[in-house]
Amino acid sequence: MDLDGGGDTAGPATSESDSEASAPAAEPAASSNSGIDESLLSDIEKDAIGEVANISMGTSATTLYSLVNRKVNITTPQVSLANWETVTEEYPAPCVFIQI
């Protein structure tokens, strides 16, 4: 989630598919997954987690907009398996992570 310096032109929270394209999602600095078994979650389970995260982040972005009166852009969540150390090393700050 990123705050845009929109000032008076601020609008409600939007997802990437709602209107103009927002900044690209954070990409990992390295592509290693530290030996984590990706088959622990099925594609359907990953999609369900992504949908819950998308709904939650959308609601949070809307609330944040109402508090700061600035446009809040969110991107579609990307669900993957990782350990905490790998995540904090591979992604630059600021990022939002949800541990399940």
N, C-alpha and C. Protein backbone atom coordinates (compact mmCIF):
# COMPACT_ATOMS: atom_id res chain seq x y z
N MET A 1 0.86 -1.15 0.00
CA MET A 1 0.00 0.00 0.00
C MET A 1 0.91 1.21 0.00
N ASP A 2 0.56 2.21 -0.80
CA ASP A 2 1.42 3.37 -0.84
C ASP A 2 0.57 4.62 -0.86
N LEU A 3 1.02 5.64 -0.15
CA LEU A 3 0.29 6.90 -0.09
C LEU A 3 0.75 7.79 -1.22
N ASP A 4 -0.19 8.36 -1.94
CA ASP A 4 0.11 9.27 -3.02
C ASP A 4 -0.07 10.69 -2.48
N GLY A 5 0.78 11.62 -2.86
CA GLY A 5 0.68 12.99 -2.37
C GLY A 5 -0.43 13.75 -3.06
N GLY A 6 -1.61 13.19 -3.14
CA GLY A 6 -2.71 13.74 -3.90
C GLY A 6 -3.32 15.02 -3.36
N GLY A 7 -3.18 15.31 -2.09
CA GLY A 7 -3.76 16.53 -1.53
C GLY A 7 -5.23 16.64 -1.81
N ASP A 8 -5.65 17.76 -2.44
CA ASP A 8 -7.06 18.00 -2.73
C ASP A 8 -7.62 17.05 -3.77
N THR A 9 -6.77 16.47 -4.60
CA THR A 9 -7.27 15.59 -5.64
C THR A 9 -7.37 14.15 -5.17
N ALA A 10 -7.26 13.94 -3.87
CA ALA A 10 -7.29 12.58 -3.33
C ALA A 10 -8.64 11.94 -3.60
N GLY A 11 -8.62 10.64 -3.74
CA GLY A 11 -9.84 9.89 -3.98
C GLY A 11 -9.89 8.68 -3.09
N PRO A 12 -10.96 7.92 -3.19
CA PRO A 12 -11.07 6.71 -2.39
C PRO A 12 -10.04 5.68 -2.82
N ALA A 13 -9.83 4.70 -1.97
CA ALA A 13 -8.87 3.64 -2.28
C ALA A 13 -9.28 2.93 -3.54
N THR A 14 -8.31 2.62 -4.36
CA THR A 14 -8.59 1.89 -5.59
C THR A 14 -7.63 0.74 -5.70
N SER A 15 -8.10 -0.34 -6.30
CA SER A 15 -7.17 -1.42 -6.59
C SER A 15 -6.64 -1.20 -7.99
N GLU A 16 -5.61 -1.94 -8.34
CA GLU A 16 -4.94 -1.74 -9.62
C GLU A 16 -5.91 -1.92 -10.78
N SER A 17 -6.91 -2.78 -10.64
CA SER A 17 -7.83 -3.04 -11.73
C SER A 17 -8.96 -2.01 -11.81
N ASP A 18 -9.16 -1.19 -10.79
CA ASP A 18 -10.26 -0.23 -10.78
C ASP A 18 -10.04 0.94 -11.72
N SER A 19 -8.86 1.51 -11.73
CA SER A 19 -8.64 2.70 -12.55
C SER A 19 -7.23 2.67 -13.09
N GLU A 20 -6.54 3.79 -13.00
CA GLU A 20 -5.20 3.89 -13.54
C GLU A 20 -4.27 2.89 -12.87
N ALA A 21 -3.23 2.49 -13.60
CA ALA A 21 -2.26 1.55 -13.05
C ALA A 21 -1.45 2.25 -11.96
N SER A 22 -1.24 1.56 -10.89
CA SER A 22 -0.44 2.12 -9.80
C SER A 22 0.98 1.59 -9.91
N ALA A 23 1.81 1.97 -8.97
CA ALA A 23 3.21 1.54 -8.98
C ALA A 23 3.27 0.02 -8.96
N PRO A 24 4.28 -0.55 -9.60
CA PRO A 24 4.38 -2.01 -9.62
C PRO A 24 4.59 -2.57 -8.23
N ALA A 25 4.12 -3.78 -8.03
CA ALA A 25 4.28 -4.44 -6.73
C ALA A 25 5.75 -4.68 -6.45
N ALA A 26 6.10 -4.73 -5.19
CA ALA A 26 7.49 -4.98 -4.81
C ALA A 26 7.91 -6.35 -5.32
N GLU A 27 9.08 -6.42 -5.89
CA GLU A 27 9.62 -7.68 -6.39
C GLU A 27 10.75 -8.12 -5.47
N PRO A 28 10.89 -9.41 -5.28
CA PRO A 28 11.97 -9.87 -4.42
C PRO A 28 13.33 -9.58 -5.05
N ALA A 29 14.32 -9.31 -4.20
CA ALA A 29 15.66 -9.03 -4.67
C ALA A 29 16.31 -10.30 -5.21
N ALA A 30 15.96 -11.44 -4.66
CA ALA A 30 16.49 -12.72 -5.12
C ALA A 30 15.33 -13.68 -5.32
N SER A 31 15.54 -14.72 -6.10
CA SER A 31 14.43 -15.61 -6.42
C SER A 31 14.47 -16.92 -5.65
N SER A 32 15.24 -17.03 -4.60
CA SER A 32 15.31 -18.27 -3.84
C SER A 32 14.10 -18.38 -2.92
N ASN A 33 13.64 -19.62 -2.70
CA ASN A 33 12.52 -19.81 -1.78
C ASN A 33 12.95 -20.59 -0.55
N SER A 34 14.24 -20.70 -0.31
CA SER A 34 14.81 -21.33 0.88
C SER A 34 14.33 -22.75 1.10
N GLY A 35 14.09 -23.49 0.03
CA GLY A 35 13.73 -24.89 0.15
C GLY A 35 12.34 -25.15 0.68
N ILE A 36 11.43 -24.20 0.59
CA ILE A 36 10.07 -24.38 1.09
C ILE A 36 9.26 -25.15 0.05
N ASP A 37 8.51 -26.14 0.51
CA ASP A 37 7.69 -26.98 -0.36
C ASP A 37 6.46 -26.21 -0.81
N GLU A 38 6.45 -25.77 -2.07
CA GLU A 38 5.33 -24.98 -2.61
C GLU A 38 4.04 -25.79 -2.70
N SER A 39 4.11 -27.11 -2.58
CA SER A 39 2.90 -27.94 -2.69
C SER A 39 2.12 -28.00 -1.38
N LEU A 40 2.58 -27.29 -0.35
CA LEU A 40 1.85 -27.28 0.92
C LEU A 40 0.47 -26.64 0.77
N LEU A 41 0.32 -25.72 -0.17
CA LEU A 41 -0.97 -25.09 -0.45
C LEU A 41 -1.32 -25.33 -1.92
N SER A 42 -2.57 -25.69 -2.18
CA SER A 42 -3.03 -25.84 -3.56
C SER A 42 -3.27 -24.47 -4.18
N ASP A 43 -3.42 -24.42 -5.49
CA ASP A 43 -3.71 -23.16 -6.17
C ASP A 43 -5.02 -22.55 -5.67
N ILE A 44 -6.01 -23.40 -5.39
CA ILE A 44 -7.30 -22.90 -4.89
C ILE A 44 -7.12 -22.28 -3.51
N GLU A 45 -6.31 -22.89 -2.66
CA GLU A 45 -6.06 -22.34 -1.32
C GLU A 45 -5.31 -21.01 -1.42
N LYS A 46 -4.33 -20.94 -2.31
CA LYS A 46 -3.60 -19.68 -2.51
C LYS A 46 -4.53 -18.59 -3.03
N ASP A 47 -5.43 -18.94 -3.95
CA ASP A 47 -6.40 -17.97 -4.46
C ASP A 47 -7.32 -17.47 -3.36
N ALA A 48 -7.76 -18.38 -2.48
CA ALA A 48 -8.65 -17.99 -1.38
C ALA A 48 -7.94 -17.04 -0.42
N ILE A 49 -6.69 -17.33 -0.10
CA ILE A 49 -5.91 -16.45 0.78
C ILE A 49 -5.72 -15.09 0.12
N GLY A 50 -5.43 -15.11 -1.18
CA GLY A 50 -5.26 -13.85 -1.92
C GLY A 50 -6.53 -13.02 -1.94
N GLU A 51 -7.67 -13.66 -2.08
CA GLU A 51 -8.95 -12.94 -2.09
C GLU A 51 -9.25 -12.31 -0.73
N VAL A 52 -9.01 -13.07 0.34
CA VAL A 52 -9.21 -12.52 1.69
C VAL A 52 -8.27 -11.33 1.92
N ALA A 53 -7.02 -11.48 1.50
CA ALA A 53 -6.06 -10.38 1.64
C ALA A 53 -6.48 -9.17 0.83
N ASN A 54 -6.99 -9.38 -0.38
CA ASN A 54 -7.43 -8.29 -1.24
C ASN A 54 -8.60 -7.53 -0.61
N ILE A 55 -9.56 -8.26 -0.07
CA ILE A 55 -10.71 -7.63 0.59
C ILE A 55 -10.25 -6.85 1.82
N SER A 56 -9.38 -7.46 2.61
CA SER A 56 -8.88 -6.81 3.83
C SER A 56 -8.09 -5.54 3.52
N MET A 57 -7.19 -5.63 2.56
CA MET A 57 -6.37 -4.47 2.20
C MET A 57 -7.23 -3.37 1.58
N GLY A 58 -8.24 -3.74 0.81
CA GLY A 58 -9.15 -2.74 0.23
C GLY A 58 -9.90 -1.99 1.30
N THR A 59 -10.40 -2.71 2.28
CA THR A 59 -11.10 -2.08 3.40
C THR A 59 -10.15 -1.19 4.20
N SER A 60 -8.95 -1.68 4.44
CA SER A 60 -7.96 -0.90 5.18
C SER A 60 -7.57 0.36 4.42
N ALA A 61 -7.39 0.25 3.11
CA ALA A 61 -7.02 1.40 2.29
C ALA A 61 -8.13 2.46 2.31
N THR A 62 -9.37 2.02 2.25
CA THR A 62 -10.49 2.95 2.30
C THR A 62 -10.53 3.68 3.64
N THR A 63 -10.32 2.95 4.72
CA THR A 63 -10.29 3.56 6.05
C THR A 63 -9.13 4.53 6.17
N LEU A 64 -7.95 4.15 5.68
CA LEU A 64 -6.79 5.03 5.72
C LEU A 64 -7.05 6.31 4.93
N TYR A 65 -7.68 6.19 3.77
CA TYR A 65 -8.03 7.37 2.98
C TYR A 65 -8.91 8.33 3.79
N SER A 66 -9.90 7.77 4.50
CA SER A 66 -10.81 8.63 5.26
C SER A 66 -10.08 9.31 6.43
N LEU A 67 -9.02 8.70 6.93
CA LEU A 67 -8.27 9.29 8.03
C LEU A 67 -7.29 10.38 7.58
N VAL A 68 -6.62 10.14 6.45
CA VAL A 68 -5.57 11.06 6.01
C VAL A 68 -5.98 11.93 4.82
N ASN A 69 -7.14 11.65 4.24
CA ASN A 69 -7.66 12.40 3.10
C ASN A 69 -6.65 12.46 1.95
N ARG A 70 -6.00 11.33 1.70
CA ARG A 70 -5.06 11.21 0.59
C ARG A 70 -5.35 9.90 -0.13
N LYS A 71 -5.17 9.90 -1.46
CA LYS A 71 -5.42 8.71 -2.25
C LYS A 71 -4.48 7.58 -1.81
N VAL A 72 -5.03 6.38 -1.70
CA VAL A 72 -4.26 5.21 -1.32
C VAL A 72 -4.36 4.19 -2.44
N ASN A 73 -3.23 3.80 -3.00
CA ASN A 73 -3.20 2.80 -4.07
C ASN A 73 -2.78 1.46 -3.49
N ILE A 74 -3.48 0.41 -3.90
CA ILE A 74 -3.10 -0.94 -3.49
C ILE A 74 -2.93 -1.78 -4.74
N THR A 75 -2.15 -2.84 -4.62
CA THR A 75 -1.98 -3.78 -5.73
C THR A 75 -2.53 -5.13 -5.32
N THR A 76 -2.76 -5.97 -6.30
CA THR A 76 -3.28 -7.30 -6.04
C THR A 76 -2.26 -8.11 -5.23
N PRO A 77 -2.71 -8.75 -4.16
CA PRO A 77 -1.78 -9.54 -3.35
C PRO A 77 -1.18 -10.70 -4.14
N GLN A 78 0.06 -11.01 -3.84
CA GLN A 78 0.73 -12.17 -4.42
C GLN A 78 0.96 -13.16 -3.29
N VAL A 79 0.39 -14.36 -3.39
CA VAL A 79 0.49 -15.36 -2.33
C VAL A 79 1.63 -16.32 -2.67
N SER A 80 2.55 -16.47 -1.73
CA SER A 80 3.64 -17.43 -1.89
C SER A 80 4.07 -17.90 -0.51
N LEU A 81 4.76 -19.01 -0.47
CA LEU A 81 5.24 -19.56 0.79
C LEU A 81 6.67 -19.10 1.01
N ALA A 82 6.97 -18.66 2.21
CA ALA A 82 8.32 -18.20 2.55
C ALA A 82 8.49 -18.24 4.05
N ASN A 83 9.74 -18.22 4.49
CA ASN A 83 9.97 -18.06 5.92
C ASN A 83 10.22 -16.58 6.19
N TRP A 84 10.09 -16.19 7.44
CA TRP A 84 10.15 -14.77 7.79
C TRP A 84 11.50 -14.14 7.44
N GLU A 85 12.59 -14.86 7.69
CA GLU A 85 13.92 -14.32 7.42
C GLU A 85 14.10 -14.02 5.94
N THR A 86 13.65 -14.92 5.07
CA THR A 86 13.78 -14.72 3.63
C THR A 86 12.97 -13.51 3.18
N VAL A 87 11.77 -13.37 3.69
CA VAL A 87 10.91 -12.26 3.30
C VAL A 87 11.54 -10.92 3.67
N THR A 88 12.03 -10.81 4.89
CA THR A 88 12.60 -9.53 5.32
C THR A 88 13.90 -9.20 4.60
N GLU A 89 14.62 -10.21 4.14
CA GLU A 89 15.86 -9.97 3.39
C GLU A 89 15.58 -9.61 1.93
N GLU A 90 14.56 -10.21 1.32
CA GLU A 90 14.34 -10.06 -0.11
C GLU A 90 13.52 -8.85 -0.52
N TYR A 91 12.68 -8.34 0.35
CA TYR A 91 11.81 -7.23 -0.02
C TYR A 91 12.28 -5.94 0.65
N PRO A 92 12.35 -4.85 -0.13
CA PRO A 92 12.74 -3.57 0.46
C PRO A 92 11.59 -2.98 1.28
N ALA A 93 11.90 -2.13 2.21
CA ALA A 93 10.88 -1.43 3.00
C ALA A 93 10.43 -0.22 2.19
N PRO A 94 9.27 0.27 2.25
CA PRO A 94 8.16 -0.23 3.05
C PRO A 94 7.34 -1.28 2.29
N CYS A 95 6.96 -2.30 2.96
CA CYS A 95 6.10 -3.36 2.42
C CYS A 95 5.14 -3.79 3.51
N VAL A 96 4.03 -4.38 3.11
CA VAL A 96 3.07 -4.92 4.06
C VAL A 96 3.11 -6.43 3.91
N PHE A 97 3.32 -7.13 5.01
CA PHE A 97 3.34 -8.59 5.01
C PHE A 97 2.28 -9.09 5.97
N ILE A 98 1.66 -10.20 5.61
CA ILE A 98 0.69 -10.83 6.49
C ILE A 98 1.16 -12.25 6.72
N GLN A 99 1.40 -12.60 7.97
CA GLN A 99 1.85 -13.94 8.32
C GLN A 99 0.65 -14.75 8.74
N ILE A 100 0.46 -15.91 8.09
CA ILE A 100 -0.68 -16.79 8.39
C ILE A 100 -0.14 -18.08 8.97
